[in-house]
Amino acid sequence: MTPATKIGSSIAVATGLYAISYGALGVAAGLNLWQVMALSLLMFTGGSQFAFIGVIAGGGSPGAAFGAATLLGVRNAVYGMQIKAMLRPNGLKKLLAAQVTIDESTATAAGQSDPAEQKRGFWVAGIGVYVLWNIFTVAGALLGDALGDPKAWGLDGAAVAAFLGLLWPRLKSAEPVAIATVCALATVLAIPLVPPGVPILVAALVAGVWGYFGRGPATEGLEPDVEPRATRGESE
């Protein structure tokens, strides 16, 4: 077993197990077993799925839930461009690669220097997560259905907590914390003014505007350091 295969396998197991909570929370949000399964089979992106059921659990419309999930899924399109350039899949492999291009498979592939290992890491992580995510989605949905009334167990608010759990590890520098704070404030201000489910779209729009207008200063801030690094590399 190669290093990329080991990494991809371990990531697949760890991520797949997390689908138990998604399945249980999906049922708690009011979806039936088949709807919960369909989201995992077709949408297959954890952040978007948790956002979807979070909006539904909060009383939002399916349209608002789909909009929130779509906005969070845009990052996979960026991953797709990276994976296409890295692996150059052809034919049916291209369609399969598009389905399993997620955070975990992209990170596993990008973490390897050898082209063969990049391919192994991507496919092992991507397919492994897909298979286990769907298996444990069913397990979680059946478990959640067996628990009965979600409010009795506090599951009606657990979707939001799970989504925050996905967000928290990403707040490692000042800018993500600032963006999260501003988006949270925008959400709180929007709640009494718009229908349920729309505040998360407002927060996503705020984050998008920040990212668009913040690219210039961020890039300029990095430019002065490019030449010294190149110079150091040449001198060494």
Protein backbone atom coordinates (compact mmCIF):
# COMPACT_ATOMS: atom_id res chain seq x y z
CA MET A 1 0.00 0.00 0.00
CA THR A 2 1.52 3.32 -1.08
CA PRO A 3 1.57 6.48 1.10
CA ALA A 4 -1.18 8.12 -0.95
CA THR A 5 -3.34 5.01 -0.66
CA LYS A 6 -2.88 4.93 3.11
CA ILE A 7 -3.78 8.60 3.44
CA GLY A 8 -6.77 8.30 1.13
CA SER A 9 -8.08 5.23 2.96
CA SER A 10 -7.80 6.80 6.41
CA ILE A 11 -9.49 9.99 5.20
CA ALA A 12 -12.28 7.95 3.61
CA VAL A 13 -13.04 6.12 6.85
CA ALA A 14 -12.92 9.24 9.02
CA THR A 15 -15.08 11.29 6.66
CA GLY A 16 -17.49 8.47 5.93
CA LEU A 17 -18.24 7.96 9.62
CA TYR A 18 -19.25 11.61 9.89
CA ALA A 19 -22.16 10.86 7.55
CA ILE A 20 -23.90 9.14 10.47
CA SER A 21 -24.58 12.57 11.94
CA TYR A 22 -25.72 13.91 8.57
CA GLY A 23 -28.21 11.06 8.11
CA ALA A 24 -29.64 11.50 11.60
CA LEU A 25 -29.86 15.28 11.26
CA GLY A 26 -31.46 15.01 7.82
CA VAL A 27 -34.30 12.92 9.22
CA ALA A 28 -34.56 15.30 12.20
CA ALA A 29 -34.92 18.20 9.76
CA GLY A 30 -37.99 16.56 8.24
CA LEU A 31 -36.57 14.69 5.25
CA ASN A 32 -37.43 11.05 4.68
CA LEU A 33 -34.92 8.25 4.17
CA TRP A 34 -34.99 8.43 0.37
CA GLN A 35 -34.51 12.21 0.33
CA VAL A 36 -31.56 11.99 2.69
CA MET A 37 -30.03 9.25 0.55
CA ALA A 38 -30.59 11.20 -2.67
CA LEU A 39 -28.67 14.20 -1.33
CA SER A 40 -25.67 12.01 -0.52
CA LEU A 41 -25.81 10.15 -3.83
CA LEU A 42 -26.25 13.20 -6.05
CA MET A 43 -25.10 16.32 -4.19
CA PHE A 44 -22.27 14.60 -2.33
CA THR A 45 -20.56 17.49 -0.61
CA GLY A 46 -20.76 17.53 3.16
CA GLY A 47 -20.79 21.28 3.73
CA SER A 48 -23.57 21.80 1.18
CA GLN A 49 -25.61 18.93 2.59
CA PHE A 50 -25.39 20.27 6.14
CA ALA A 51 -26.30 23.74 4.89
CA PHE A 52 -29.31 22.31 3.05
CA ILE A 53 -30.74 20.48 6.04
CA GLY A 54 -29.86 23.41 8.31
CA VAL A 55 -32.05 25.73 6.25
CA ILE A 56 -34.85 23.16 6.12
CA ALA A 57 -34.63 22.60 9.88
CA GLY A 58 -34.88 26.35 10.43
CA GLY A 59 -38.13 26.52 8.46
CA GLY A 60 -36.64 27.70 5.18
CA SER A 61 -38.01 26.80 1.77
CA PRO A 62 -36.45 24.10 -0.42
CA GLY A 63 -35.42 26.86 -2.84
CA ALA A 64 -33.51 28.74 -0.16
CA ALA A 65 -31.92 25.50 1.03
CA PHE A 66 -30.83 24.65 -2.52
CA GLY A 67 -29.42 28.15 -3.00
CA ALA A 68 -27.36 27.92 0.19
CA ALA A 69 -26.07 24.48 -0.76
CA THR A 70 -25.18 25.63 -4.27
CA LEU A 71 -23.20 28.62 -3.04
CA LEU A 72 -21.13 26.40 -0.78
CA GLY A 73 -20.63 23.89 -3.59
CA VAL A 74 -19.05 26.46 -5.92
CA ARG A 75 -15.64 25.67 -4.42
CA ASN A 76 -15.84 22.20 -5.99
CA ALA A 77 -15.80 23.81 -9.44
CA VAL A 78 -12.47 25.41 -8.52
CA TYR A 79 -11.22 22.02 -7.32
CA GLY A 80 -12.38 20.52 -10.61
CA MET A 81 -10.14 22.82 -12.64
CA GLN A 82 -7.19 21.89 -10.46
CA ILE A 83 -7.88 18.16 -10.72
CA LYS A 84 -8.37 18.34 -14.50
CA ALA A 85 -4.97 19.97 -14.90
CA MET A 86 -3.33 17.58 -12.43
CA LEU A 87 -4.79 14.22 -13.49
CA ARG A 88 -6.14 14.88 -17.01
CA PRO A 89 -8.94 12.29 -16.83
CA ASN A 90 -10.60 11.21 -20.10
CA GLY A 91 -13.94 9.71 -21.12
CA LEU A 92 -16.03 8.20 -18.37
CA LYS A 93 -13.24 8.84 -15.88
CA LYS A 94 -13.85 12.55 -16.32
CA LEU A 95 -17.50 12.16 -15.27
CA LEU A 96 -16.56 9.98 -12.30
CA ALA A 97 -13.81 12.40 -11.28
CA ALA A 98 -16.29 15.28 -11.35
CA GLN A 99 -18.57 13.41 -8.94
CA VAL A 100 -15.84 12.58 -6.42
CA THR A 101 -13.98 15.91 -6.57
CA ILE A 102 -14.37 17.13 -3.00
CA ASP A 103 -12.20 18.67 -0.27
CA GLU A 104 -10.74 15.34 0.80
CA SER A 105 -9.88 13.89 -2.61
CA THR A 106 -8.41 17.16 -3.84
CA ALA A 107 -6.30 17.61 -0.71
CA THR A 108 -5.01 14.03 -0.88
CA ALA A 109 -3.99 14.43 -4.53
CA ALA A 110 -2.46 17.87 -4.07
CA GLY A 111 -0.40 16.61 -1.14
CA GLN A 112 1.56 14.21 -3.36
CA SER A 113 4.53 15.14 -5.55
CA ASP A 114 4.60 12.04 -7.73
CA PRO A 115 1.97 12.04 -10.55
CA ALA A 116 1.15 8.37 -10.00
CA GLU A 117 0.63 8.96 -6.29
CA GLN A 118 -1.57 11.97 -7.05
CA LYS A 119 -3.88 9.72 -9.07
CA ARG A 120 -3.92 7.00 -6.44
CA GLY A 121 -4.62 9.46 -3.65
CA PHE A 122 -7.43 11.16 -5.54
CA TRP A 123 -9.25 7.99 -6.53
CA VAL A 124 -8.81 6.17 -3.23
CA ALA A 125 -9.99 9.16 -1.20
CA GLY A 126 -12.75 10.18 -3.61
CA ILE A 127 -14.31 6.79 -4.21
CA GLY A 128 -13.70 5.69 -0.63
CA VAL A 129 -15.45 8.71 0.82
CA TYR A 130 -18.33 8.38 -1.66
CA VAL A 131 -19.00 4.73 -0.83
CA LEU A 132 -18.66 5.09 2.94
CA TRP A 133 -20.51 8.43 3.06
CA ASN A 134 -23.55 6.86 1.42
CA ILE A 135 -23.43 3.73 3.58
CA PHE A 136 -23.25 5.70 6.81
CA THR A 137 -25.87 8.17 5.58
CA VAL A 138 -28.34 5.28 5.55
CA ALA A 139 -27.18 4.12 8.98
CA GLY A 140 -27.54 7.61 10.42
CA ALA A 141 -30.96 8.14 8.86
CA LEU A 142 -32.25 4.86 10.28
CA LEU A 143 -30.75 5.71 13.67
CA GLY A 144 -32.29 9.18 13.64
CA ASP A 145 -35.67 7.80 12.65
CA ALA A 146 -35.52 5.36 15.57
CA LEU A 147 -34.90 8.20 18.05
CA GLY A 148 -38.40 9.60 17.54
CA ASP A 149 -39.14 13.28 18.19
CA PRO A 150 -35.98 15.26 17.32
CA LYS A 151 -36.86 18.06 19.75
CA ALA A 152 -36.81 15.60 22.64
CA TRP A 153 -33.13 14.96 21.92
CA GLY A 154 -32.20 18.48 20.88
CA LEU A 155 -31.62 17.39 17.28
CA ASP A 156 -33.71 20.25 15.88
CA GLY A 157 -30.73 22.56 16.42
CA ALA A 158 -27.99 20.03 15.84
CA ALA A 159 -27.70 20.67 12.10
CA VAL A 160 -26.53 24.20 12.79
CA ALA A 161 -24.08 22.93 15.40
CA ALA A 162 -22.69 20.36 12.97
CA PHE A 163 -22.20 22.99 10.30
CA LEU A 164 -20.37 25.21 12.77
CA GLY A 165 -18.20 22.20 13.59
CA LEU A 166 -17.18 22.05 9.92
CA LEU A 167 -16.46 25.77 9.86
CA TRP A 168 -14.47 26.14 13.07
CA PRO A 169 -11.24 24.32 12.00
CA ARG A 170 -10.96 26.68 9.00
CA LEU A 171 -10.74 29.80 11.17
CA LYS A 172 -6.95 29.77 11.50
CA SER A 173 -6.09 33.37 10.62
CA ALA A 174 -7.43 36.87 11.15
CA GLU A 175 -9.19 37.27 7.80
CA PRO A 176 -11.40 34.13 8.01
CA VAL A 177 -12.38 35.12 11.56
CA ALA A 178 -13.25 38.63 10.37
CA ILE A 179 -15.30 37.26 7.46
CA ALA A 180 -17.15 34.84 9.74
CA THR A 181 -17.90 37.63 12.20
CA VAL A 182 -19.24 39.99 9.54
CA CYS A 183 -21.32 37.22 7.96
CA ALA A 184 -22.72 36.24 11.35
CA LEU A 185 -23.71 39.86 12.01
CA ALA A 186 -25.34 40.11 8.58
CA THR A 187 -27.29 36.93 9.30
CA VAL A 188 -28.54 38.19 12.68
CA LEU A 189 -29.64 41.49 11.13
CA ALA A 190 -31.41 39.73 8.25
CA ILE A 191 -33.35 37.18 10.32
CA PRO A 192 -36.24 39.50 11.32
CA LEU A 193 -36.45 41.05 7.85
CA VAL A 194 -36.47 38.11 5.41
CA PRO A 195 -38.07 34.63 5.20
CA PRO A 196 -36.37 31.65 6.88
CA GLY A 197 -33.46 30.29 4.87
CA VAL A 198 -32.66 33.60 3.17
CA PRO A 199 -30.29 34.93 5.89
CA ILE A 200 -27.69 32.28 5.03
CA LEU A 201 -27.85 33.46 1.40
CA VAL A 202 -27.26 37.02 2.60
CA ALA A 203 -24.22 35.83 4.56
CA ALA A 204 -22.89 33.99 1.50
CA LEU A 205 -23.33 37.13 -0.62
CA VAL A 206 -21.42 39.18 1.95
CA ALA A 207 -18.59 36.64 1.95
CA GLY A 208 -18.52 36.63 -1.84
CA VAL A 209 -18.30 40.41 -2.05
CA TRP A 210 -15.54 40.42 0.56
CA GLY A 211 -13.59 37.80 -1.36
CA TYR A 212 -13.98 39.60 -4.68
CA PHE A 213 -12.91 43.03 -3.49
CA GLY A 214 -10.30 41.61 -1.10
CA ARG A 215 -8.24 39.88 -3.77
CA GLY A 216 -6.39 43.01 -4.84
CA PRO A 217 -4.92 44.03 -1.49
CA ALA A 218 -4.12 40.42 -0.61
CA THR A 219 -2.21 39.93 -3.84
CA GLU A 220 -0.38 43.21 -3.50
CA GLY A 221 0.64 42.29 0.01
CA LEU A 222 2.32 39.15 -1.29
CA GLU A 223 4.19 40.72 -4.19
CA PRO A 224 7.10 42.27 -2.29
CA ASP A 225 8.07 38.86 -0.91
CA VAL A 226 8.15 37.04 -4.24
CA GLU A 227 11.45 38.46 -5.51
CA PRO A 228 13.42 37.97 -2.29
CA ARG A 229 12.34 34.32 -2.15
CA ALA A 230 13.37 33.77 -5.76
CA THR A 231 16.67 35.53 -5.08
CA ARG A 232 17.32 33.37 -2.04
CA GLY A 233 16.57 30.27 -4.05
CA GLU A 234 18.94 31.28 -6.82
CA SER A 235 21.71 32.14 -4.39
CA GLU A 236 21.40 28.77 -2.74
